[in-house]
Amino acid sequence: MKSLKRVISRVTLIKIDLSNNTYTDQLPGEVYGLDNVSGKGFIDSSNNQYLNIANLNNKSEILKYNILSNS
């Protein structure tokens, strides 16, 4: 998750390439508000999904991002 500049508690999902210190937006144009501002989520290795609690449209929901399919 990357925090957005000048916006409190808003993030976007990114993939970091540690070999060259760059990142790629995984869901361009989608912005989430985290209920847990520190961004603590986890990866469910049984189905390759990153999970976190997010706030979208003033409603708390579970953000699920599939690492293999980029969806």
PDB file of N, CA and C in Angstrom:
ATOM      1  N   MET A   1       0.836  -1.166   0.000  1.00  0.00           N
ATOM      2  CA  MET A   1       0.000   0.000   0.000  1.00  0.00           C
ATOM      3  C   MET A   1       0.888   1.238   0.000  1.00  0.00           C
ATOM      4  N   LYS A   2       0.508   2.208  -0.799  1.00  0.00           N
ATOM      5  CA  LYS A   2       1.240   3.471  -0.854  1.00  0.00           C
ATOM      6  C   LYS A   2       0.301   4.583  -0.408  1.00  0.00           C
ATOM      7  N   SER A   3       0.773   5.365   0.548  1.00  0.00           N
ATOM      8  CA  SER A   3      -0.011   6.503   1.021  1.00  0.00           C
ATOM      9  C   SER A   3      -0.016   7.590  -0.048  1.00  0.00           C
ATOM     10  N   LEU A   4      -1.151   8.248  -0.200  1.00  0.00           N
ATOM     11  CA  LEU A   4      -1.268   9.320  -1.183  1.00  0.00           C
ATOM     12  C   LEU A   4      -0.867  10.647  -0.555  1.00  0.00           C
ATOM     13  N   LYS A   5      -0.126  11.452  -1.273  1.00  0.00           N
ATOM     14  CA  LYS A   5       0.330  12.741  -0.772  1.00  0.00           C
ATOM     15  C   LYS A   5      -0.849  13.679  -0.535  1.00  0.00           C
ATOM     16  N   ARG A   6      -0.769  14.403   0.568  1.00  0.00           N
ATOM     17  CA  ARG A   6      -1.757  15.418   0.942  1.00  0.00           C
ATOM     18  C   ARG A   6      -3.162  14.856   1.198  1.00  0.00           C
ATOM     19  N   VAL A   7      -3.277  13.545   1.359  1.00  0.00           N
ATOM     20  CA  VAL A   7      -4.583  12.943   1.632  1.00  0.00           C
ATOM     21  C   VAL A   7      -4.422  12.012   2.834  1.00  0.00           C
ATOM     22  N   ILE A   8      -5.148  12.285   3.902  1.00  0.00           N
ATOM     23  CA  ILE A   8      -5.011  11.504   5.127  1.00  0.00           C
ATOM     24  C   ILE A   8      -5.746  10.171   5.000  1.00  0.00           C
ATOM     25  N   SER A   9      -5.084   9.099   5.380  1.00  0.00           N
ATOM     26  CA  SER A   9      -5.662   7.745   5.445  1.00  0.00           C
ATOM     27  C   SER A   9      -6.144   7.221   4.092  1.00  0.00           C
ATOM     28  N   ARG A  10      -5.555   7.673   3.002  1.00  0.00           N
ATOM     29  CA  ARG A  10      -5.926   7.162   1.681  1.00  0.00           C
ATOM     30  C   ARG A  10      -4.712   6.496   1.059  1.00  0.00           C
ATOM     31  N   VAL A  11      -4.928   5.324   0.494  1.00  0.00           N
ATOM     32  CA  VAL A  11      -3.828   4.552  -0.081  1.00  0.00           C
ATOM     33  C   VAL A  11      -4.247   3.958  -1.420  1.00  0.00           C
ATOM     34  N   THR A  12      -3.246   3.503  -2.149  1.00  0.00           N
ATOM     35  CA  THR A  12      -3.468   2.754  -3.372  1.00  0.00           C
ATOM     36  C   THR A  12      -2.581   1.512  -3.307  1.00  0.00           C
ATOM     37  N   LEU A  13      -2.950   0.454  -3.981  1.00  0.00           N
ATOM     38  CA  LEU A  13      -2.209  -0.799  -3.936  1.00  0.00           C
ATOM     39  C   LEU A  13      -1.099  -0.778  -4.976  1.00  0.00           C
ATOM     40  N   ILE A  14       0.130  -1.090  -4.552  1.00  0.00           N
ATOM     41  CA  ILE A  14       1.270  -1.090  -5.453  1.00  0.00           C
ATOM     42  C   ILE A  14       2.059  -2.391  -5.338  1.00  0.00           C
ATOM     43  N   LYS A  15       2.886  -2.653  -6.337  1.00  0.00           N
ATOM     44  CA  LYS A  15       3.826  -3.769  -6.311  1.00  0.00           C
ATOM     45  C   LYS A  15       5.217  -3.157  -6.345  1.00  0.00           C
ATOM     46  N   ILE A  16       6.073  -3.547  -5.410  1.00  0.00           N
ATOM     47  CA  ILE A  16       7.412  -2.975  -5.304  1.00  0.00           C
ATOM     48  C   ILE A  16       8.425  -3.930  -5.916  1.00  0.00           C
ATOM     49  N   ASP A  17       9.289  -3.387  -6.774  1.00  0.00           N
ATOM     50  CA  ASP A  17      10.397  -4.141  -7.367  1.00  0.00           C
ATOM     51  C   ASP A  17      11.652  -3.760  -6.592  1.00  0.00           C
ATOM     52  N   LEU A  18      12.096  -4.640  -5.711  1.00  0.00           N
ATOM     53  CA  LEU A  18      13.228  -4.336  -4.848  1.00  0.00           C
ATOM     54  C   LEU A  18      14.557  -4.329  -5.600  1.00  0.00           C
ATOM     55  N   SER A  19      14.601  -4.919  -6.786  1.00  0.00           N
ATOM     56  CA  SER A  19      15.857  -4.952  -7.536  1.00  0.00           C
ATOM     57  C   SER A  19      16.241  -3.580  -8.080  1.00  0.00           C
ATOM     58  N   ASN A  20      15.239  -2.725  -8.357  1.00  0.00           N
ATOM     59  CA  ASN A  20      15.556  -1.394  -8.882  1.00  0.00           C
ATOM     60  C   ASN A  20      14.819  -0.270  -8.135  1.00  0.00           C
ATOM     61  N   ASN A  21      14.213  -0.619  -6.995  1.00  0.00           N
ATOM     62  CA  ASN A  21      13.528   0.361  -6.138  1.00  0.00           C
ATOM     63  C   ASN A  21      12.453   1.160  -6.873  1.00  0.00           C
ATOM     64  N   THR A  22      11.644   0.477  -7.668  1.00  0.00           N
ATOM     65  CA  THR A  22      10.516   1.119  -8.346  1.00  0.00           C
ATOM     66  C   THR A  22       9.236   0.428  -7.907  1.00  0.00           C
ATOM     67  N   TYR A  23       8.117   1.050  -8.233  1.00  0.00           N
ATOM     68  CA  TYR A  23       6.833   0.424  -7.924  1.00  0.00           C
ATOM     69  C   TYR A  23       5.888   0.608  -9.101  1.00  0.00           C
ATOM     70  N   THR A  24       4.875  -0.270  -9.154  1.00  0.00           N
ATOM     71  CA  THR A  24       3.865  -0.235 -10.185  1.00  0.00           C
ATOM     72  C   THR A  24       2.498  -0.217  -9.517  1.00  0.00           C
ATOM     73  N   ASP A  25       1.623   0.705  -9.943  1.00  0.00           N
ATOM     74  CA  ASP A  25       0.254   0.715  -9.434  1.00  0.00           C
ATOM     75  C   ASP A  25      -0.458  -0.548  -9.894  1.00  0.00           C
ATOM     76  N   GLN A  26      -1.056  -1.275  -8.968  1.00  0.00           N
ATOM     77  CA  GLN A  26      -1.733  -2.523  -9.303  1.00  0.00           C
ATOM     78  C   GLN A  26      -3.200  -2.310  -9.656  1.00  0.00           C
ATOM     79  N   LEU A  27      -3.822  -1.301  -9.094  1.00  0.00           N
ATOM     80  CA  LEU A  27      -5.219  -0.989  -9.378  1.00  0.00           C
ATOM     81  C   LEU A  27      -5.308   0.504  -9.684  1.00  0.00           C
ATOM     82  N   PRO A  28      -4.830   0.939 -10.868  1.00  0.00           N
ATOM     83  CA  PRO A  28      -4.791   2.368 -11.190  1.00  0.00           C
ATOM     84  C   PRO A  28      -6.166   3.024 -11.035  1.00  0.00           C
ATOM     85  N   GLY A  29      -6.166   4.201 -10.415  1.00  0.00           N
ATOM     86  CA  GLY A  29      -7.405   4.953 -10.254  1.00  0.00           C
ATOM     87  C   GLY A  29      -8.236   4.559  -9.048  1.00  0.00           C
ATOM     88  N   GLU A  30      -7.898   3.468  -8.367  1.00  0.00           N
ATOM     89  CA  GLU A  30      -8.656   3.054  -7.189  1.00  0.00           C
ATOM     90  C   GLU A  30      -7.939   3.538  -5.939  1.00  0.00           C
ATOM     91  N   VAL A  31      -8.675   4.199  -5.068  1.00  0.00           N
ATOM     92  CA  VAL A  31      -8.126   4.743  -3.829  1.00  0.00           C
ATOM     93  C   VAL A  31      -8.953   4.189  -2.677  1.00  0.00           C
ATOM     94  N   TYR A  32      -8.263   3.771  -1.634  1.00  0.00           N
ATOM     95  CA  TYR A  32      -8.934   3.189  -0.475  1.00  0.00           C
ATOM     96  C   TYR A  32      -8.602   3.979   0.773  1.00  0.00           C
ATOM     97  N   GLY A  33      -9.549   4.034   1.682  1.00  0.00           N
ATOM     98  CA  GLY A  33      -9.306   4.584   3.009  1.00  0.00           C
ATOM     99  C   GLY A  33      -9.149   3.413   3.952  1.00  0.00           C
ATOM    100  N   LEU A  34      -8.050   3.377   4.673  1.00  0.00           N
ATOM    101  CA  LEU A  34      -7.812   2.256   5.565  1.00  0.00           C
ATOM    102  C   LEU A  34      -8.451   2.491   6.919  1.00  0.00           C
ATOM    103  N   ASP A  35      -9.148   1.498   7.422  1.00  0.00           N
ATOM    104  CA  ASP A  35      -9.661   1.581   8.788  1.00  0.00           C
ATOM    105  C   ASP A  35      -8.498   1.433   9.760  1.00  0.00           C
ATOM    106  N   ASN A  36      -7.485   0.695   9.356  1.00  0.00           N
ATOM    107  CA  ASN A  36      -6.261   0.573  10.132  1.00  0.00           C
ATOM    108  C   ASN A  36      -5.203   1.372   9.383  1.00  0.00           C
ATOM    109  N   VAL A  37      -4.950   2.596   9.799  1.00  0.00           N
ATOM    110  CA  VAL A  37      -4.102   3.523   9.052  1.00  0.00           C
ATOM    111  C   VAL A  37      -2.700   2.982   8.843  1.00  0.00           C
ATOM    112  N   SER A  38      -2.233   2.107   9.695  1.00  0.00           N
ATOM    113  CA  SER A  38      -0.882   1.581   9.531  1.00  0.00           C
ATOM    114  C   SER A  38      -0.790   0.603   8.367  1.00  0.00           C
ATOM    115  N   GLY A  39      -1.921   0.247   7.780  1.00  0.00           N
ATOM    116  CA  GLY A  39      -1.899  -0.588   6.587  1.00  0.00           C
ATOM    117  C   GLY A  39      -1.636  -2.054   6.848  1.00  0.00           C
ATOM    118  N   LYS A  40      -1.879  -2.507   8.040  1.00  0.00           N
ATOM    119  CA  LYS A  40      -1.593  -3.898   8.364  1.00  0.00           C
ATOM    120  C   LYS A  40      -2.630  -4.807   7.719  1.00  0.00           C
ATOM    121  N   GLY A  41      -2.193  -5.571   6.791  1.00  0.00           N
ATOM    122  CA  GLY A  41      -3.010  -6.584   6.158  1.00  0.00           C
ATOM    123  C   GLY A  41      -2.220  -7.875   6.199  1.00  0.00           C
ATOM    124  N   PHE A  42      -2.647  -8.862   5.459  1.00  0.00           N
ATOM    125  CA  PHE A  42      -1.876 -10.097   5.404  1.00  0.00           C
ATOM    126  C   PHE A  42      -2.091 -10.770   4.062  1.00  0.00           C
ATOM    127  N   ILE A  43      -1.194 -11.681   3.733  1.00  0.00           N
ATOM    128  CA  ILE A  43      -1.309 -12.456   2.506  1.00  0.00           C
ATOM    129  C   ILE A  43      -1.799 -13.846   2.878  1.00  0.00           C
ATOM    130  N   ASP A  44      -2.926 -14.229   2.282  1.00  0.00           N
ATOM    131  CA  ASP A  44      -3.477 -15.575   2.459  1.00  0.00           C
ATOM    132  C   ASP A  44      -2.819 -16.451   1.405  1.00  0.00           C
ATOM    133  N   SER A  45      -1.838 -17.248   1.807  1.00  0.00           N
ATOM    134  CA  SER A  45      -1.071 -18.049   0.850  1.00  0.00           C
ATOM    135  C   SER A  45      -1.880 -19.190   0.243  1.00  0.00           C
ATOM    136  N   SER A  46      -3.026 -19.533   0.837  1.00  0.00           N
ATOM    137  CA  SER A  46      -3.825 -20.626   0.274  1.00  0.00           C
ATOM    138  C   SER A  46      -4.481 -20.227  -1.045  1.00  0.00           C
ATOM    139  N   ASN A  47      -4.720 -18.914  -1.251  1.00  0.00           N
ATOM    140  CA  ASN A  47      -5.317 -18.474  -2.515  1.00  0.00           C
ATOM    141  C   ASN A  47      -4.615 -17.246  -3.097  1.00  0.00           C
ATOM    142  N   ASN A  48      -3.403 -16.955  -2.612  1.00  0.00           N
ATOM    143  CA  ASN A  48      -2.579 -15.852  -3.122  1.00  0.00           C
ATOM    144  C   ASN A  48      -3.307 -14.513  -3.117  1.00  0.00           C
ATOM    145  N   GLN A  49      -4.000 -14.198  -2.025  1.00  0.00           N
ATOM    146  CA  GLN A  49      -4.701 -12.930  -1.915  1.00  0.00           C
ATOM    147  C   GLN A  49      -4.128 -12.100  -0.774  1.00  0.00           C
ATOM    148  N   TYR A  50      -3.989 -10.797  -1.053  1.00  0.00           N
ATOM    149  CA  TYR A  50      -3.663  -9.828  -0.010  1.00  0.00           C
ATOM    150  C   TYR A  50      -4.993  -9.353   0.551  1.00  0.00           C
ATOM    151  N   LEU A  51      -5.138  -9.324   1.866  1.00  0.00           N
ATOM    152  CA  LEU A  51      -6.387  -8.933   2.520  1.00  0.00           C
ATOM    153  C   LEU A  51      -6.134  -7.801   3.502  1.00  0.00           C
ATOM    154  N   ASN A  52      -7.061  -6.853   3.521  1.00  0.00           N
ATOM    155  CA  ASN A  52      -6.986  -5.740   4.452  1.00  0.00           C
ATOM    156  C   ASN A  52      -8.385  -5.172   4.614  1.00  0.00           C
ATOM    157  N   ILE A  53      -8.634  -4.524   5.734  1.00  0.00           N
ATOM    158  CA  ILE A  53      -9.916  -3.847   5.920  1.00  0.00           C
ATOM    159  C   ILE A  53      -9.778  -2.442   5.353  1.00  0.00           C
ATOM    160  N   ALA A  54     -10.675  -2.068   4.455  1.00  0.00           N
ATOM    161  CA  ALA A  54     -10.620  -0.764   3.795  1.00  0.00           C
ATOM    162  C   ALA A  54     -11.957  -0.069   3.926  1.00  0.00           C
ATOM    163  N   ASN A  55     -11.925   1.235   3.722  1.00  0.00           N
ATOM    164  CA  ASN A  55     -13.142   2.021   3.753  1.00  0.00           C
ATOM    165  C   ASN A  55     -13.362   2.562   2.346  1.00  0.00           C
ATOM    166  N   LEU A  56     -14.436   2.145   1.702  1.00  0.00           N
ATOM    167  CA  LEU A  56     -14.759   2.577   0.348  1.00  0.00           C
ATOM    168  C   LEU A  56     -16.199   3.066   0.358  1.00  0.00           C
ATOM    169  N   ASN A  57     -16.422   4.282  -0.114  1.00  0.00           N
ATOM    170  CA  ASN A  57     -17.763   4.880  -0.126  1.00  0.00           C
ATOM    171  C   ASN A  57     -18.380   4.914   1.270  1.00  0.00           C
ATOM    172  N   ASN A  58     -17.566   5.298   2.259  1.00  0.00           N
ATOM    173  CA  ASN A  58     -18.000   5.414   3.659  1.00  0.00           C
ATOM    174  C   ASN A  58     -18.534   4.109   4.233  1.00  0.00           C
ATOM    175  N   LYS A  59     -18.016   3.003   3.753  1.00  0.00           N
ATOM    176  CA  LYS A  59     -18.454   1.696   4.211  1.00  0.00           C
ATOM    177  C   LYS A  59     -17.221   0.813   4.407  1.00  0.00           C
ATOM    178  N   SER A  60     -17.079   0.203   5.572  1.00  0.00           N
ATOM    179  CA  SER A  60     -15.946  -0.684   5.812  1.00  0.00           C
ATOM    180  C   SER A  60     -16.171  -2.008   5.100  1.00  0.00           C
ATOM    181  N   GLU A  61     -15.163  -2.402   4.358  1.00  0.00           N
ATOM    182  CA  GLU A  61     -15.235  -3.651   3.599  1.00  0.00           C
ATOM    183  C   GLU A  61     -13.881  -4.334   3.640  1.00  0.00           C
ATOM    184  N   ILE A  62     -13.828  -5.555   3.174  1.00  0.00           N
ATOM    185  CA  ILE A  62     -12.570  -6.284   3.075  1.00  0.00           C
ATOM    186  C   ILE A  62     -12.028  -6.105   1.667  1.00  0.00           C
ATOM    187  N   LEU A  63     -10.795  -5.581   1.586  1.00  0.00           N
ATOM    188  CA  LEU A  63     -10.111  -5.447   0.308  1.00  0.00           C
ATOM    189  C   LEU A  63      -9.394  -6.763   0.046  1.00  0.00           C
ATOM    190  N   LYS A  64      -9.706  -7.399  -1.062  1.00  0.00           N
ATOM    191  CA  LYS A  64      -9.035  -8.636  -1.471  1.00  0.00           C
ATOM    192  C   LYS A  64      -8.371  -8.380  -2.802  1.00  0.00           C
ATOM    193  N   TYR A  65      -7.068  -8.656  -2.864  1.00  0.00           N
ATOM    194  CA  TYR A  65      -6.334  -8.467  -4.102  1.00  0.00           C
ATOM    195  C   TYR A  65      -5.617  -9.764  -4.419  1.00  0.00           C
ATOM    196  N   ASN A  66      -5.917 -10.360  -5.587  1.00  0.00           N
ATOM    197  CA  ASN A  66      -5.274 -11.597  -5.991  1.00  0.00           C
ATOM    198  C   ASN A  66      -3.941 -11.279  -6.636  1.00  0.00           C
ATOM    199  N   ILE A  67      -2.871 -11.761  -6.047  1.00  0.00           N
ATOM    200  CA  ILE A  67      -1.516 -11.459  -6.489  1.00  0.00           C
ATOM    201  C   ILE A  67      -1.214 -12.052  -7.865  1.00  0.00           C
ATOM    202  N   LEU A  68      -1.701 -13.248  -8.143  1.00  0.00           N
ATOM    203  CA  LEU A  68      -1.388 -13.902  -9.411  1.00  0.00           C
ATOM    204  C   LEU A  68      -2.137 -13.317 -10.592  1.00  0.00           C
ATOM    205  N   SER A  69      -3.393 -12.942 -10.396  1.00  0.00           N
ATOM    206  CA  SER A  69      -4.199 -12.441 -11.513  1.00  0.00           C
ATOM    207  C   SER A  69      -4.260 -10.915 -11.593  1.00  0.00           C
ATOM    208  N   ASN A  70      -3.620 -10.226 -10.619  1.00  0.00           N
ATOM    209  CA  ASN A  70      -3.659  -8.747 -10.559  1.00  0.00           C
ATOM    210  C   ASN A  70      -5.081  -8.219 -10.577  1.00  0.00           C
ATOM    211  N   SER A  71      -5.951  -8.849  -9.813  1.00  0.00           N
ATOM    212  CA  SER A  71      -7.348  -8.396  -9.761  1.00  0.00           C
ATOM    213  C   SER A  71      -7.816  -8.271  -8.323  1.00  0.00           C
TER     214      SER A  71
END
